């Protein structure tokens, strides 16, 4: 089935459009989804795992374009100030789909002793879980405006200010995500001068660009400090809770070395026959942490793993993020010198989905605090 989603208004709020894309994709049984968006927004969606093709709207385009699709869903112009529900739900309602999850995907695991250093557990914009935005302000508030900057010290200051804020107002979806990650109350605003003037408490207005906020979260907050686990090799420790969520019984842990997931069947070089000789559809699930980057014929290996999983079984992959140079063989680091390739999230998602026919349950394209990313796919 071929589906065309036209979203020509408010598409700069990519986080808001994301749940609609996923809801449509699964509601229409893994359709071939084409997104038509405003000129200039295509790069934000071109590597999206659920989108087959992205086209930019043009006034000169063929008026019969929609007739090439089985279904055409159009999101009309949406005025934030008249909403009686969060904008994310308004997008879904306009597309005629129902959202199943609405809680924030970006969240905090804990507040360390040093309150100026917060720990983000995950940053993802590809799963429909995000902050719930409040209604627009109807009061007068005093604000502290933060200008964006490329300087690392300025970006660090932005994040510290966000962490201390009790309220964050801004039209930038990535900025508001970052604020929600820091446990702030978030308000979306279109006209900050009119709606936000004076405040009795600490209010932060973030007019920053998406890229600067992302860079602040990823590079400044963590200050490129590599995690301690690199000194011992136990990469799976951070992802263990996620593994337990999908790996219940009779699953294999491939490449576990000295740190297998409890209750799993450990598989390493010395006993590869456990999966190589296994019959089709034998295991209930498969988990692998920091293993695939050591295998040159990774596509052949994933095909083998897929073969031995039962229908409905999950495959959980945890891998080093390619943007962390410490993982690259060329750097000569002891943790990267045995890696034969650098897995790209979008490459693996497309292979699992398009070649092996698996359903992507969740994944993170951006690195987590331990400089890794994960993918969960179901057969």
Protein backbone atom coordinates (compact mmCIF):
# COMPACT_ATOMS: atom_id res chain seq x y z
CA UNK A 1 0.00 0.00 0.00
CA UNK A 2 1.31 3.45 -0.97
CA UNK A 3 0.53 6.32 1.38
CA UNK A 4 1.21 10.04 0.90
CA UNK A 5 1.44 12.24 3.99
CA UNK A 6 1.33 15.96 3.22
CA UNK A 7 2.50 18.15 6.10
CA UNK A 8 3.19 21.68 4.90
CA UNK A 9 2.57 23.58 8.11
CA UNK A 10 4.45 23.41 11.41
CA UNK A 11 6.77 20.76 10.03
CA UNK A 12 9.66 22.56 11.70
CA UNK A 13 8.37 20.88 14.85
CA UNK A 14 9.71 17.54 13.77
CA UNK A 15 9.10 15.97 17.15
CA UNK A 16 5.42 16.77 16.78
CA UNK A 17 5.17 15.17 13.34
CA UNK A 18 7.10 12.05 14.36
CA UNK A 19 4.26 10.22 16.19
CA UNK A 20 1.93 10.74 13.25
CA UNK A 21 4.45 9.15 10.89
CA UNK A 22 4.82 6.09 13.08
CA UNK A 23 1.10 5.75 13.80
CA UNK A 24 0.29 5.89 10.08
CA UNK A 25 3.00 3.40 9.22
CA UNK A 26 1.73 0.76 11.61
CA UNK A 27 -1.98 1.50 11.21
CA UNK A 28 -1.75 0.77 7.49
CA UNK A 29 0.27 -2.42 7.93
CA UNK A 30 3.78 -1.30 7.07
CA UNK A 31 2.78 0.83 4.12
CA UNK A 32 5.20 2.50 1.71
CA UNK A 33 5.05 5.99 3.18
CA UNK A 34 5.99 9.11 1.20
CA UNK A 35 6.24 12.42 3.05
CA UNK A 36 5.56 15.67 1.21
CA UNK A 37 6.91 18.57 3.22
CA UNK A 38 8.07 22.16 2.84
CA UNK A 39 11.13 22.90 0.73
CA UNK A 40 14.20 22.80 2.95
CA UNK A 41 12.82 20.32 5.46
CA UNK A 42 13.67 17.20 3.45
CA UNK A 43 17.07 16.63 5.14
CA UNK A 44 15.38 16.18 8.51
CA UNK A 45 13.48 13.14 7.21
CA UNK A 46 15.64 11.64 4.46
CA UNK A 47 17.12 8.95 6.73
CA UNK A 48 13.93 8.22 8.64
CA UNK A 49 13.52 4.42 8.92
CA UNK A 50 9.76 4.49 8.30
CA UNK A 51 9.73 6.89 5.36
CA UNK A 52 10.22 5.46 1.88
CA UNK A 53 10.64 8.80 0.12
CA UNK A 54 10.61 12.52 0.92
CA UNK A 55 9.46 15.09 -1.62
CA UNK A 56 9.39 18.88 -1.33
CA UNK A 57 6.19 20.72 -2.09
CA UNK A 58 6.27 22.90 -5.19
CA UNK A 59 3.60 25.18 -6.60
CA UNK A 60 4.50 23.84 -10.04
CA UNK A 61 4.10 20.18 -9.12
CA UNK A 62 1.79 17.82 -10.94
CA UNK A 63 -1.75 18.33 -9.53
CA UNK A 64 -2.44 14.63 -10.01
CA UNK A 65 0.43 13.61 -7.71
CA UNK A 66 -1.89 12.34 -4.97
CA UNK A 67 -3.65 10.02 -7.43
CA UNK A 68 -0.51 7.87 -7.55
CA UNK A 69 -1.13 6.82 -3.95
CA UNK A 70 -3.70 4.54 -2.34
CA UNK A 71 -4.17 6.91 0.60
CA UNK A 72 -3.48 10.63 0.93
CA UNK A 73 -3.43 12.09 4.43
CA UNK A 74 -3.02 15.84 4.76
CA UNK A 75 -2.25 17.73 7.95
CA UNK A 76 -3.83 21.19 7.63
CA UNK A 77 -2.53 24.46 8.99
CA UNK A 78 -2.56 24.14 12.77
CA UNK A 79 -2.68 27.22 14.98
CA UNK A 80 -1.02 26.47 18.32
CA UNK A 81 -2.84 29.18 20.21
CA UNK A 82 -6.29 27.71 19.65
CA UNK A 83 -5.40 24.21 20.78
CA UNK A 84 -7.36 22.48 23.50
CA UNK A 85 -4.94 19.56 23.50
CA UNK A 86 -1.16 19.21 23.12
CA UNK A 87 -0.01 19.88 19.58
CA UNK A 88 1.26 16.34 19.19
CA UNK A 89 -2.28 15.01 19.63
CA UNK A 90 -3.59 17.62 17.21
CA UNK A 91 -1.25 16.33 14.52
CA UNK A 92 -2.47 12.80 15.08
CA UNK A 93 -6.11 13.85 15.04
CA UNK A 94 -5.59 15.67 11.74
CA UNK A 95 -4.10 12.53 10.25
CA UNK A 96 -6.86 10.33 11.66
CA UNK A 97 -4.62 8.11 13.74
CA UNK A 98 -4.42 7.23 17.42
CA UNK A 99 -1.24 7.55 19.48
CA UNK A 100 -0.42 4.77 21.90
CA UNK A 101 2.43 6.39 23.86
CA UNK A 102 2.75 9.96 25.06
CA UNK A 103 5.37 9.97 27.81
CA UNK A 104 8.77 11.66 27.37
CA UNK A 105 11.42 9.66 25.57
CA UNK A 106 14.11 11.97 26.86
CA UNK A 107 14.34 11.71 30.61
CA UNK A 108 16.69 11.65 33.57
CA UNK A 109 17.79 8.52 35.39
CA UNK A 110 19.15 10.40 38.35
CA UNK A 111 20.49 13.68 39.66
CA UNK A 112 24.14 13.21 40.70
CA UNK A 113 25.64 14.92 43.73
CA UNK A 114 26.83 17.72 41.46
CA UNK A 115 23.54 19.33 40.43
CA UNK A 116 25.24 21.18 37.58
CA UNK A 117 26.04 17.89 35.88
CA UNK A 118 22.93 16.00 34.82
CA UNK A 119 22.83 12.56 33.26
CA UNK A 120 20.61 11.97 30.23
CA UNK A 121 19.84 8.32 29.67
CA UNK A 122 18.68 8.50 26.07
CA UNK A 123 18.10 11.01 23.30
CA UNK A 124 15.82 9.79 20.54
CA UNK A 125 13.43 11.40 18.08
CA UNK A 126 12.42 8.24 16.24
CA UNK A 127 10.02 6.77 18.80
CA UNK A 128 6.72 8.54 19.65
CA UNK A 129 7.49 9.38 23.26
CA UNK A 130 8.10 13.06 24.12
CA UNK A 131 7.28 15.85 26.52
CA UNK A 132 3.65 16.76 27.10
CA UNK A 133 3.44 20.48 26.38
CA UNK A 134 1.34 22.73 28.58
CA UNK A 135 -1.24 25.22 27.38
CA UNK A 136 0.09 28.63 26.27
CA UNK A 137 0.72 31.17 29.00
CA UNK A 138 -2.00 33.67 29.83
CA UNK A 139 0.00 35.55 32.46
CA UNK A 140 2.80 38.10 32.48
CA UNK A 141 6.24 36.60 33.11
CA UNK A 142 9.72 38.02 33.25
CA UNK A 143 12.18 36.09 31.11
CA UNK A 144 15.87 35.50 30.76
CA UNK A 145 16.76 35.19 27.12
CA UNK A 146 19.52 32.83 26.02
CA UNK A 147 21.23 33.53 22.73
CA UNK A 148 22.67 30.58 20.84
CA UNK A 149 26.40 30.25 20.34
CA UNK A 150 28.84 27.80 18.86
CA UNK A 151 31.41 28.36 21.60
CA UNK A 152 31.62 25.36 23.94
CA UNK A 153 31.64 27.49 27.10
CA UNK A 154 28.51 29.32 25.98
CA UNK A 155 26.76 26.04 25.19
CA UNK A 156 27.71 24.66 28.57
CA UNK A 157 26.22 27.75 30.15
CA UNK A 158 22.99 27.22 28.19
CA UNK A 159 22.60 23.69 29.52
CA UNK A 160 23.33 24.73 33.09
CA UNK A 161 20.76 27.50 32.82
CA UNK A 162 18.22 25.06 31.43
CA UNK A 163 18.90 22.65 34.28
CA UNK A 164 18.15 25.35 36.84
CA UNK A 165 14.99 26.63 35.16
CA UNK A 166 11.49 26.08 36.48
CA UNK A 167 9.86 26.97 33.18
CA UNK A 168 11.11 26.92 29.60
CA UNK A 169 9.33 28.71 26.77
CA UNK A 170 10.27 28.42 23.13
CA UNK A 171 9.16 27.54 19.61
CA UNK A 172 12.14 25.30 18.97
CA UNK A 173 11.20 21.65 19.36
CA UNK A 174 14.73 20.41 20.10
CA UNK A 175 15.22 23.10 22.71
CA UNK A 176 11.98 22.16 24.42
CA UNK A 177 12.94 18.49 24.28
CA UNK A 178 16.24 19.30 25.95
CA UNK A 179 14.39 21.31 28.59
CA UNK A 180 11.95 18.46 29.21
CA UNK A 181 14.91 16.13 29.53
CA UNK A 182 16.13 18.36 32.34
CA UNK A 183 12.74 17.98 34.05
CA UNK A 184 11.56 21.52 33.29
CA UNK A 185 7.98 22.60 32.72
CA UNK A 186 7.73 23.37 29.01
CA UNK A 187 5.47 25.80 27.15
CA UNK A 188 5.41 26.17 23.37
CA UNK A 189 5.20 29.83 22.32
CA UNK A 190 4.85 31.55 18.96
CA UNK A 191 4.94 35.17 20.08
CA UNK A 192 7.29 35.37 23.05
CA UNK A 193 7.20 39.17 23.33
CA UNK A 194 3.42 39.20 23.68
CA UNK A 195 2.84 36.10 25.77
CA UNK A 196 5.86 36.16 28.06
CA UNK A 197 6.78 39.48 29.67
CA UNK A 198 7.33 39.23 33.41
CA UNK A 199 7.77 36.34 35.81
CA UNK A 200 7.81 35.77 39.56
CA UNK A 201 10.14 32.79 39.18
CA UNK A 202 13.04 31.54 37.09
CA UNK A 203 11.91 31.40 33.47
CA UNK A 204 14.14 30.61 30.51
CA UNK A 205 13.33 31.45 26.92
CA UNK A 206 15.29 29.43 24.40
CA UNK A 207 15.21 30.78 20.84
CA UNK A 208 18.14 28.54 19.88
CA UNK A 209 18.54 26.49 16.77
CA UNK A 210 18.01 22.76 16.76
CA UNK A 211 21.62 21.99 15.89
CA UNK A 212 23.09 24.11 18.66
CA UNK A 213 20.86 22.56 21.30
CA UNK A 214 21.62 19.05 20.10
CA UNK A 215 25.32 19.81 20.09
CA UNK A 216 24.99 21.24 23.58
CA UNK A 217 23.26 18.11 24.85
CA UNK A 218 25.60 15.68 23.14
CA UNK A 219 28.98 17.35 23.33
CA UNK A 220 28.88 20.01 26.03
CA UNK A 221 26.86 18.24 28.70
CA UNK A 222 28.97 15.12 28.50
CA UNK A 223 32.16 17.07 27.63
CA UNK A 224 33.42 14.15 25.54
CA UNK A 225 34.21 12.19 28.69
CA UNK A 226 34.44 8.53 27.80
CA UNK A 227 32.72 6.24 30.32
CA UNK A 228 34.58 4.13 32.85
CA UNK A 229 33.24 0.87 31.42
CA UNK A 230 35.66 1.22 28.50
CA UNK A 231 38.38 0.16 30.89
CA UNK A 232 36.77 -3.20 31.60
CA UNK A 233 34.88 -4.08 28.41
CA UNK A 234 31.44 -4.60 29.94
CA UNK A 235 29.42 -2.52 27.48
CA UNK A 236 26.23 -4.51 28.10
CA UNK A 237 25.83 -3.26 31.66
CA UNK A 238 24.13 -0.03 30.57
CA UNK A 239 21.65 -1.77 28.26
CA UNK A 240 20.90 -4.70 30.56
CA UNK A 241 17.50 -3.38 31.63
CA UNK A 242 16.38 -3.02 28.02
CA UNK A 243 17.65 -6.52 27.25
CA UNK A 244 15.63 -7.98 30.12
CA UNK A 245 12.51 -6.25 28.78
CA UNK A 246 12.64 -8.23 25.53
CA UNK A 247 14.68 -11.31 26.49
CA UNK A 248 12.44 -13.42 28.74
CA UNK A 249 13.40 -17.05 28.19
CA UNK A 250 15.39 -19.31 25.85
CA UNK A 251 17.38 -16.49 24.27
CA UNK A 252 21.00 -16.29 23.16
CA UNK A 253 23.56 -13.64 24.10
CA UNK A 254 25.97 -13.47 21.16
CA UNK A 255 29.46 -12.14 21.82
CA UNK A 256 28.92 -11.84 25.56
CA UNK A 257 32.51 -12.67 26.54
CA UNK A 258 32.75 -12.64 30.36
CA UNK A 259 29.54 -10.65 30.89
CA UNK A 260 26.48 -12.65 29.70
CA UNK A 261 22.96 -11.42 30.36
CA UNK A 262 21.40 -13.49 33.19
CA UNK A 263 19.26 -16.47 32.09
CA UNK A 264 20.54 -16.28 28.52
CA UNK A 265 22.53 -18.84 26.55
CA UNK A 266 26.05 -17.37 26.19
CA UNK A 267 27.56 -17.64 22.71
CA UNK A 268 31.12 -16.68 21.80
CA UNK A 269 33.81 -17.77 19.35
CA UNK A 270 34.47 -21.02 21.19
CA UNK A 271 30.85 -22.20 20.94
CA UNK A 272 29.46 -20.55 17.80
CA UNK A 273 27.92 -23.85 16.83
CA UNK A 274 25.12 -23.05 19.27
CA UNK A 275 23.63 -20.70 16.68
CA UNK A 276 25.30 -22.00 13.51
CA UNK A 277 23.84 -25.49 14.00
CA UNK A 278 20.54 -24.35 15.49
CA UNK A 279 17.38 -25.17 13.49
CA UNK A 280 15.26 -22.39 12.04
CA UNK A 281 13.02 -20.48 14.46
CA UNK A 282 14.70 -22.10 17.45
CA UNK A 283 15.31 -19.29 19.94
CA UNK A 284 12.77 -16.93 21.49
CA UNK A 285 15.14 -13.99 21.13
CA UNK A 286 18.69 -12.82 20.53
CA UNK A 287 20.77 -10.18 22.30
CA UNK A 288 24.16 -8.91 21.20
CA UNK A 289 26.27 -6.13 22.69
CA UNK A 290 29.33 -4.65 20.97
CA UNK A 291 29.86 -7.71 18.80
CA UNK A 292 28.77 -6.97 15.23
CA UNK A 293 31.51 -4.36 14.71
CA UNK A 294 34.06 -7.19 14.96
CA UNK A 295 32.51 -9.14 12.07
CA UNK A 296 33.40 -8.27 8.48
CA UNK A 297 30.49 -10.23 6.98
CA UNK A 298 27.97 -8.48 9.20
CA UNK A 299 25.04 -8.87 6.78
CA UNK A 300 25.58 -12.62 6.62
CA UNK A 301 25.80 -12.74 10.42
CA UNK A 302 22.55 -10.81 10.89
CA UNK A 303 20.86 -13.14 8.42
CA UNK A 304 22.00 -16.10 10.52
CA UNK A 305 20.72 -14.48 13.70
CA UNK A 306 17.40 -13.76 12.03
CA UNK A 307 17.07 -17.37 10.88
CA UNK A 308 17.35 -18.86 14.36
CA UNK A 309 14.80 -16.50 15.98
CA UNK A 310 11.18 -17.57 16.22
CA UNK A 311 8.47 -15.48 14.53
CA UNK A 312 7.58 -12.72 16.97
CA UNK A 313 10.95 -13.00 18.67
CA UNK A 314 13.06 -9.91 19.31
CA UNK A 315 16.61 -9.07 18.30
CA UNK A 316 18.28 -6.48 20.54
CA UNK A 317 21.50 -4.96 19.21
CA UNK A 318 23.76 -2.66 21.22
CA UNK A 319 26.63 -1.15 19.26
CA UNK A 320 29.34 1.51 19.46
CA UNK A 321 28.22 4.81 18.00
CA UNK A 322 30.18 5.69 14.83
CA UNK A 323 30.56 9.34 15.91
CA UNK A 324 32.76 8.36 18.86
CA UNK A 325 36.31 8.25 17.53
CA UNK A 326 37.46 6.04 20.38
CA UNK A 327 35.68 3.13 18.64
CA UNK A 328 37.50 3.58 15.32
CA UNK A 329 40.38 1.27 14.45
CA UNK A 330 42.35 4.11 12.87
CA UNK A 331 42.68 5.87 16.23
CA UNK A 332 44.74 3.00 17.63
CA UNK A 333 42.76 2.90 20.87
CA UNK A 334 42.68 -0.47 22.54
CA UNK A 335 38.89 -0.56 22.44
CA UNK A 336 38.72 0.23 18.72
CA UNK A 337 41.71 -1.48 17.17
CA UNK A 338 39.85 -4.79 16.76
CA UNK A 339 36.81 -3.21 15.10
CA UNK A 340 36.60 -4.00 11.38
CA UNK A 341 33.82 -1.51 10.60
CA UNK A 342 31.77 1.25 12.22
CA UNK A 343 28.05 0.36 12.26
CA UNK A 344 25.74 3.19 11.20
CA UNK A 345 22.28 3.15 12.83
CA UNK A 346 20.42 3.95 9.61
CA UNK A 347 22.32 1.23 7.69
CA UNK A 348 21.37 -1.46 10.17
CA UNK A 349 17.76 -0.30 10.50
CA UNK A 350 17.30 -0.41 6.74
CA UNK A 351 18.90 -3.86 6.48
CA UNK A 352 16.77 -5.33 9.27
CA UNK A 353 13.62 -3.77 7.87
CA UNK A 354 14.05 -4.00 4.10
CA UNK A 355 16.24 -7.09 3.68
CA UNK A 356 15.21 -9.27 6.61
CA UNK A 357 11.64 -7.98 6.81
CA UNK A 358 11.78 -7.27 10.54
CA UNK A 359 9.68 -4.68 12.35
CA UNK A 360 11.67 -1.97 14.12
CA UNK A 361 10.30 -1.73 17.64
CA UNK A 362 12.63 1.03 18.81
CA UNK A 363 16.06 2.43 18.16
CA UNK A 364 18.28 5.41 18.88
CA UNK A 365 20.19 7.04 16.05
CA UNK A 366 22.06 9.27 18.48
CA UNK A 367 24.60 8.07 20.99
CA UNK A 368 23.67 7.43 24.60
CA UNK A 369 25.83 8.53 27.55
CA UNK A 370 28.03 5.48 27.00
CA UNK A 371 28.74 6.42 23.38
CA UNK A 372 26.61 3.59 21.98
CA UNK A 373 23.23 3.10 20.31
CA UNK A 374 20.65 0.33 20.33
CA UNK A 375 18.13 -1.23 17.94
CA UNK A 376 15.23 -3.52 18.83
CA UNK A 377 13.68 -5.42 15.93
CA UNK A 378 11.04 -8.13 15.93
CA UNK A 379 10.76 -11.02 13.46
